[in-house]
C-alpha atoms as a PDB file:
ATOM      1  CA  MET A   1     -22.630  99.834 162.087  1.00  0.00           C
ATOM      2  CA  ALA A   2     -23.518 103.500 162.033  1.00  0.00           C
ATOM      3  CA  THR A   3     -22.747 104.767 165.361  1.00  0.00           C
ATOM      4  CA  LEU A   4     -26.563 107.160 165.742  1.00  0.00           C
ATOM      5  CA  VAL A   5     -29.354 107.583 163.885  1.00  0.00           C
ATOM      6  CA  THR A   6     -32.495 109.740 164.855  1.00  0.00           C
ATOM      7  CA  ARG A   7     -35.587 108.761 164.870  1.00  0.00           C
ATOM      8  CA  ASP A   8     -36.522 110.546 161.505  1.00  0.00           C
ATOM      9  CA  GLU A   9     -34.366 108.337 160.218  1.00  0.00           C
ATOM     10  CA  TYR A  10     -35.773 105.038 161.310  1.00  0.00           C
ATOM     11  CA  PHE A  11     -39.051 106.972 159.564  1.00  0.00           C
ATOM     12  CA  ALA A  12     -37.314 107.538 156.540  1.00  0.00           C
ATOM     13  CA  ALA A  13     -36.271 104.228 156.544  1.00  0.00           C
ATOM     14  CA  ALA A  14     -39.680 102.790 156.630  1.00  0.00           C
ATOM     15  CA  LEU A  15     -41.351 105.136 153.883  1.00  0.00           C
ATOM     16  CA  GLU A  16     -38.191 103.167 151.663  1.00  0.00           C
ATOM     17  CA  ILE A  17     -39.108 100.141 152.777  1.00  0.00           C
ATOM     18  CA  LEU A  18     -42.624 100.624 151.799  1.00  0.00           C
ATOM     19  CA  SER A  19     -42.010 101.819 148.653  1.00  0.00           C
ATOM     20  CA  THR A  20     -39.335  99.426 147.364  1.00  0.00           C
ATOM     21  CA  ASP A  21     -41.062  96.298 149.182  1.00  0.00           C
ATOM     22  CA  GLY A  22     -44.571  96.957 150.438  1.00  0.00           C
ATOM     23  CA  TYR A  23     -45.948  96.717 153.944  1.00  0.00           C
ATOM     24  CA  GLY A  24     -45.268  93.015 154.210  1.00  0.00           C
ATOM     25  CA  LYS A  25     -41.323  93.689 154.406  1.00  0.00           C
ATOM     26  CA  LEU A  26     -41.811  96.571 156.889  1.00  0.00           C
ATOM     27  CA  LYS A  27     -40.052  94.429 159.783  1.00  0.00           C
ATOM     28  CA  LEU A  28     -37.419  95.249 162.786  1.00  0.00           C
ATOM     29  CA  ALA A  29     -34.571  93.584 161.334  1.00  0.00           C
ATOM     30  CA  PRO A  30     -34.990  95.109 157.447  1.00  0.00           C
ATOM     31  CA  VAL A  31     -35.477  98.901 158.909  1.00  0.00           C
ATOM     32  CA  CYS A  32     -32.036  98.052 161.069  1.00  0.00           C
ATOM     33  CA  LYS A  33     -30.389  97.181 157.848  1.00  0.00           C
ATOM     34  CA  LEU A  34     -31.334  99.623 156.078  1.00  0.00           C
ATOM     35  CA  LEU A  35     -29.807 101.999 158.661  1.00  0.00           C
ATOM     36  CA  LYS A  36     -27.030  99.837 159.772  1.00  0.00           C
ATOM     37  CA  VAL A  37     -27.650  99.399 162.810  1.00  0.00           C
ATOM     38  CA  THR A  38     -28.464  96.822 165.481  1.00  0.00           C
ATOM     39  CA  THR A  39     -31.993  96.101 166.930  1.00  0.00           C
ATOM     40  CA  GLY A  40     -30.598  97.531 170.313  1.00  0.00           C
ATOM     41  CA  SER A  41     -30.650 100.860 168.691  1.00  0.00           C
ATOM     42  CA  PHE A  42     -33.509 100.621 167.507  1.00  0.00           C
ATOM     43  CA  TYR A  43     -34.792  99.714 171.081  1.00  0.00           C
ATOM     44  CA  ASN A  44     -33.024 103.272 172.753  1.00  0.00           C
ATOM     45  CA  TYR A  45     -35.944 104.764 170.541  1.00  0.00           C
ATOM     46  CA  PHE A  46     -38.845 102.720 170.836  1.00  0.00           C
ATOM     47  CA  ALA A  47     -40.206 100.660 173.610  1.00  0.00           C
ATOM     48  CA  SER A  48     -41.390  98.155 170.664  1.00  0.00           C
ATOM     49  CA  TRP A  49     -42.305  97.358 167.159  1.00  0.00           C
ATOM     50  CA  GLN A  50     -45.663  98.994 167.922  1.00  0.00           C
ATOM     51  CA  ASP A  51     -44.581 102.154 169.531  1.00  0.00           C
ATOM     52  CA  PHE A  52     -42.319 102.427 166.378  1.00  0.00           C
ATOM     53  CA  LYS A  53     -45.967 102.101 164.325  1.00  0.00           C
ATOM     54  CA  THR A  54     -47.616 104.075 165.987  1.00  0.00           C
ATOM     55  CA  GLU A  55     -44.842 106.778 166.228  1.00  0.00           C
ATOM     56  CA  PHE A  56     -44.077 105.802 162.472  1.00  0.00           C
ATOM     57  CA  LEU A  57     -47.991 106.549 161.481  1.00  0.00           C
ATOM     58  CA  GLN A  58     -48.218 109.634 163.122  1.00  0.00           C
ATOM     59  CA  ALA A  59     -45.279 111.119 161.550  1.00  0.00           C
ATOM     60  CA  TRP A  60     -46.220 110.327 158.639  1.00  0.00           C
ATOM     61  CA  LEU A  61     -49.949 111.878 158.804  1.00  0.00           C
ATOM     62  CA  LYS A  62     -47.850 114.948 160.767  1.00  0.00           C
ATOM     63  CA  GLY A  63     -45.751 115.251 157.884  1.00  0.00           C
ATOM     64  CA  ARG A  64     -47.853 114.077 154.815  1.00  0.00           C
ATOM     65  CA  THR A  65     -50.785 115.834 155.731  1.00  0.00           C
ATOM     66  CA  LEU A  66     -51.116 118.361 158.601  1.00  0.00           C
ATOM     67  CA  GLN A  67     -47.980 120.494 157.204  1.00  0.00           C
ATOM     68  CA  LEU A  68     -50.318 120.279 153.659  1.00  0.00           C
ATOM     69  CA  VAL A  69     -53.540 121.694 155.404  1.00  0.00           C
ATOM     70  CA  ASP A  70     -51.255 124.294 157.420  1.00  0.00           C
ATOM     71  CA  LEU A  71     -49.647 125.085 154.296  1.00  0.00           C
ATOM     72  CA  ALA A  72     -52.443 125.656 152.185  1.00  0.00           C
ATOM     73  CA  GLN A  73     -54.238 127.736 154.900  1.00  0.00           C
ATOM     74  CA  THR A  74     -51.695 130.235 154.816  1.00  0.00           C
ATOM     75  CA  GLU A  75     -52.379 130.898 150.893  1.00  0.00           C
ATOM     76  CA  ALA A  76     -55.667 133.271 150.172  1.00  0.00           C
ATOM     77  CA  GLU A  77     -54.857 133.455 146.002  1.00  0.00           C
ATOM     78  CA  PRO A  78     -57.041 130.200 144.939  1.00  0.00           C
ATOM     79  CA  VAL A  79     -55.054 129.873 141.694  1.00  0.00           C
ATOM     80  CA  ARG A  80     -51.669 129.750 143.897  1.00  0.00           C
ATOM     81  CA  ARG A  81     -53.287 127.507 146.677  1.00  0.00           C
ATOM     82  CA  LEU A  82     -54.323 125.102 143.863  1.00  0.00           C
ATOM     83  CA  GLU A  83     -50.829 125.115 142.584  1.00  0.00           C
ATOM     84  CA  ILE A  84     -49.403 124.395 146.332  1.00  0.00           C
ATOM     85  CA  LEU A  85     -52.078 121.496 146.610  1.00  0.00           C
ATOM     86  CA  LEU A  86     -50.901 120.161 142.822  1.00  0.00           C
ATOM     87  CA  ASP A  87     -47.126 120.176 143.738  1.00  0.00           C
ATOM     88  CA  PHE A  88     -47.643 118.682 147.090  1.00  0.00           C
ATOM     89  CA  ALA A  89     -49.996 115.532 145.678  1.00  0.00           C
ATOM     90  CA  ALA A  90     -47.269 115.328 142.828  1.00  0.00           C
ATOM     91  CA  GLY A  91     -44.476 115.081 145.558  1.00  0.00           C
ATOM     92  CA  LEU A  92     -45.606 112.567 147.626  1.00  0.00           C
ATOM     93  CA  PRO A  93     -43.523 109.297 148.371  1.00  0.00           C
ATOM     94  CA  HIS A  94     -46.484 107.205 145.851  1.00  0.00           C
ATOM     95  CA  ARG A  95     -45.364 104.064 146.444  1.00  0.00           C
ATOM     96  CA  ALA A  96     -45.124 104.164 150.317  1.00  0.00           C
ATOM     97  CA  GLU A  97     -48.387 105.478 150.227  1.00  0.00           C
ATOM     98  CA  SER A  98     -49.877 103.067 148.194  1.00  0.00           C
ATOM     99  CA  ALA A  99     -48.606 100.480 150.433  1.00  0.00           C
ATOM    100  CA  ILE A 100     -49.937 102.539 153.516  1.00  0.00           C
ATOM    101  CA  ARG A 101     -53.509 102.245 151.780  1.00  0.00           C
ATOM    102  CA  ALA A 102     -52.600  98.187 151.168  1.00  0.00           C
ATOM    103  CA  TRP A 103     -51.590  97.939 155.106  1.00  0.00           C
ATOM    104  CA  SER A 104     -54.703  99.947 156.313  1.00  0.00           C
ATOM    105  CA  HIS A 105     -57.221  96.847 154.771  1.00  0.00           C
ATOM    106  CA  SER A 106     -55.549  94.701 157.337  1.00  0.00           C
ATOM    107  CA  ASP A 107     -54.355  96.491 160.391  1.00  0.00           C
ATOM    108  CA  ALA A 108     -56.978  98.697 162.657  1.00  0.00           C
ATOM    109  CA  GLU A 109     -54.600 100.869 163.615  1.00  0.00           C
ATOM    110  CA  VAL A 110     -53.463 101.831 159.961  1.00  0.00           C
ATOM    111  CA  ALA A 111     -57.292 101.973 158.886  1.00  0.00           C
ATOM    112  CA  ALA A 112     -57.722 104.570 161.452  1.00  0.00           C
ATOM    113  CA  ILE A 113     -54.484 106.806 160.545  1.00  0.00           C
ATOM    114  CA  GLN A 114     -55.568 106.760 156.929  1.00  0.00           C
ATOM    115  CA  ALA A 115     -59.253 107.632 157.283  1.00  0.00           C
ATOM    116  CA  VAL A 116     -57.605 110.301 159.233  1.00  0.00           C
ATOM    117  CA  VAL A 117     -55.153 111.197 156.102  1.00  0.00           C
ATOM    118  CA  ASP A 118     -58.104 110.944 153.798  1.00  0.00           C
ATOM    119  CA  ALA A 119     -60.426 112.907 155.405  1.00  0.00           C
ATOM    120  CA  GLN A 120     -57.848 116.207 156.238  1.00  0.00           C
ATOM    121  CA  ARG A 121     -57.125 116.232 152.247  1.00  0.00           C
ATOM    122  CA  PHE A 122     -60.686 116.093 151.745  1.00  0.00           C
ATOM    123  CA  LYS A 123     -60.874 118.725 153.802  1.00  0.00           C
ATOM    124  CA  VAL A 124     -58.062 121.115 152.614  1.00  0.00           C
ATOM    125  CA  VAL A 125     -58.745 120.387 148.593  1.00  0.00           C
ATOM    126  CA  TYR A 126     -62.223 121.146 149.323  1.00  0.00           C
ATOM    127  CA  GLY A 127     -61.472 124.123 151.475  1.00  0.00           C
ATOM    128  CA  ALA A 128     -59.466 125.337 147.980  1.00  0.00           C
ATOM    129  CA  MET A 129     -61.997 124.234 145.552  1.00  0.00           C
ATOM    130  CA  SER A 130     -64.811 125.920 147.630  1.00  0.00           C
ATOM    131  CA  THR A 131     -62.755 129.553 146.856  1.00  0.00           C
ATOM    132  CA  VAL A 132     -63.158 128.636 143.214  1.00  0.00           C
ATOM    133  CA  LEU A 133     -66.560 127.188 143.072  1.00  0.00           C
ATOM    134  CA  ALA A 134     -69.576 129.059 144.686  1.00  0.00           C
ATOM    135  CA  ASP A 135     -71.478 126.129 144.780  1.00  0.00           C
ATOM    136  CA  ALA A 136     -70.827 123.862 147.729  1.00  0.00           C
ATOM    137  CA  GLU A 137     -71.749 120.489 146.456  1.00  0.00           C
ATOM    138  CA  ASP A 138     -69.764 121.317 143.179  1.00  0.00           C
ATOM    139  CA  ALA A 139     -66.903 122.248 145.268  1.00  0.00           C
ATOM    140  CA  GLU A 140     -67.365 118.585 147.016  1.00  0.00           C
ATOM    141  CA  ARG A 141     -67.450 117.043 143.783  1.00  0.00           C
ATOM    142  CA  TYR A 142     -64.528 118.088 142.483  1.00  0.00           C
ATOM    143  CA  ALA A 143     -62.728 118.011 145.872  1.00  0.00           C
ATOM    144  CA  TYR A 144     -63.160 113.735 145.640  1.00  0.00           C
ATOM    145  CA  LEU A 145     -62.264 113.764 141.734  1.00  0.00           C
ATOM    146  CA  GLY A 146     -59.328 114.996 143.085  1.00  0.00           C
ATOM    147  CA  LEU A 147     -58.662 112.745 145.459  1.00  0.00           C
ATOM    148  CA  TYR A 148     -59.485 109.889 143.306  1.00  0.00           C
ATOM    149  CA  ILE A 149     -57.455 110.932 140.791  1.00  0.00           C
ATOM    150  CA  LEU A 150     -54.313 110.625 143.516  1.00  0.00           C
ATOM    151  CA  ILE A 151     -55.672 107.680 144.691  1.00  0.00           C
ATOM    152  CA  GLY A 152     -56.348 105.667 141.370  1.00  0.00           C
ATOM    153  CA  PHE A 153     -52.548 107.455 140.301  1.00  0.00           C
ATOM    154  CA  GLN A 154     -50.778 105.779 143.416  1.00  0.00           C
ATOM    155  CA  GLN A 155     -52.670 102.050 142.814  1.00  0.00           C
ATOM    156  CA  LEU A 156     -51.096 102.120 139.148  1.00  0.00           C
ATOM    157  CA  GLU A 157     -49.017  99.303 138.383  1.00  0.00           C
ATOM    158  CA  PRO A 158     -46.056  99.418 137.031  1.00  0.00           C
ATOM    159  CA  PRO A 159     -45.753 102.848 138.450  1.00  0.00           C
ATOM    160  CA  GLN A 160     -46.353 105.803 136.266  1.00  0.00           C
ATOM    161  CA  ASP A 161     -44.803 108.906 135.356  1.00  0.00           C
ATOM    162  CA  VAL A 162     -45.710 111.909 138.122  1.00  0.00           C
ATOM    163  CA  GLU A 163     -46.090 114.116 135.082  1.00  0.00           C
ATOM    164  CA  HIS A 164     -49.036 112.055 134.306  1.00  0.00           C
ATOM    165  CA  LEU A 165     -50.794 113.055 137.721  1.00  0.00           C
ATOM    166  CA  ARG A 166     -49.539 116.622 137.066  1.00  0.00           C
ATOM    167  CA  TRP A 167     -51.474 116.457 133.555  1.00  0.00           C
ATOM    168  CA  SER A 168     -54.513 114.656 135.221  1.00  0.00           C
ATOM    169  CA  LEU A 169     -54.933 117.437 138.536  1.00  0.00           C
ATOM    170  CA  ARG A 170     -54.627 120.177 135.917  1.00  0.00           C
ATOM    171  CA  GLN A 171     -57.302 119.140 134.087  1.00  0.00           C
ATOM    172  CA  LEU A 172     -59.225 118.853 137.033  1.00  0.00           C
ATOM    173  CA  ILE A 173     -58.297 122.630 137.479  1.00  0.00           C
ATOM    174  CA  LEU A 174     -59.292 123.629 134.036  1.00  0.00           C
ATOM    175  CA  GLU A 175     -62.639 121.500 134.390  1.00  0.00           C
ATOM    176  CA  VAL A 176     -63.728 124.051 137.071  1.00  0.00           C
ATOM    177  CA  GLY A 177     -62.783 127.253 135.310  1.00  0.00           C
ATOM    178  CA  GLN A 178     -58.994 127.712 136.465  1.00  0.00           C
ATOM    179  CA  ALA A 179     -55.945 127.214 134.227  1.00  0.00           C
ATOM    180  CA  LEU A 180     -52.714 126.878 136.601  1.00  0.00           C
ATOM    181  CA  PRO A 181     -49.533 128.315 134.972  1.00  0.00           C
ATOM    182  CA  GLN A 182     -47.265 125.650 133.437  1.00  0.00           C
END
């Protein structure tokens, strides 16, 4: 058994289980088995499974969305901002995100966090699109289209090559009149 793991390692294990087995298999025993720790070790960090779930969802929100918002806001140049968004989207743990979205249909806490993630992602994509498009309604439509592409990609079975996602998002950018460098 491992002697010491961190909270972040528990969260990474949860993402791995979500990626490989889906949310139905995300339970205490598989997380501990993956990390090679006892359940007692788990309870040194988390008061309960519910506590873990809440902290895990907050870590996912912060790590996979709020960092994107901060990163995108630091780039003023429109094409570079769109490149950052494209790279960020391509680098997401797509199978885990698909599992979290499925989980959100049966768990109100997960649904609430998923709604925040979707709203924050829309906001940052809309902000980037509005630097390219003068018409706010067009920027809104293209921002939604970008999210639809990402979410649709994540829902495909079997999982597709991430280069398909990159190509699709580049096509979206070309549609709004901006060519991303290869």
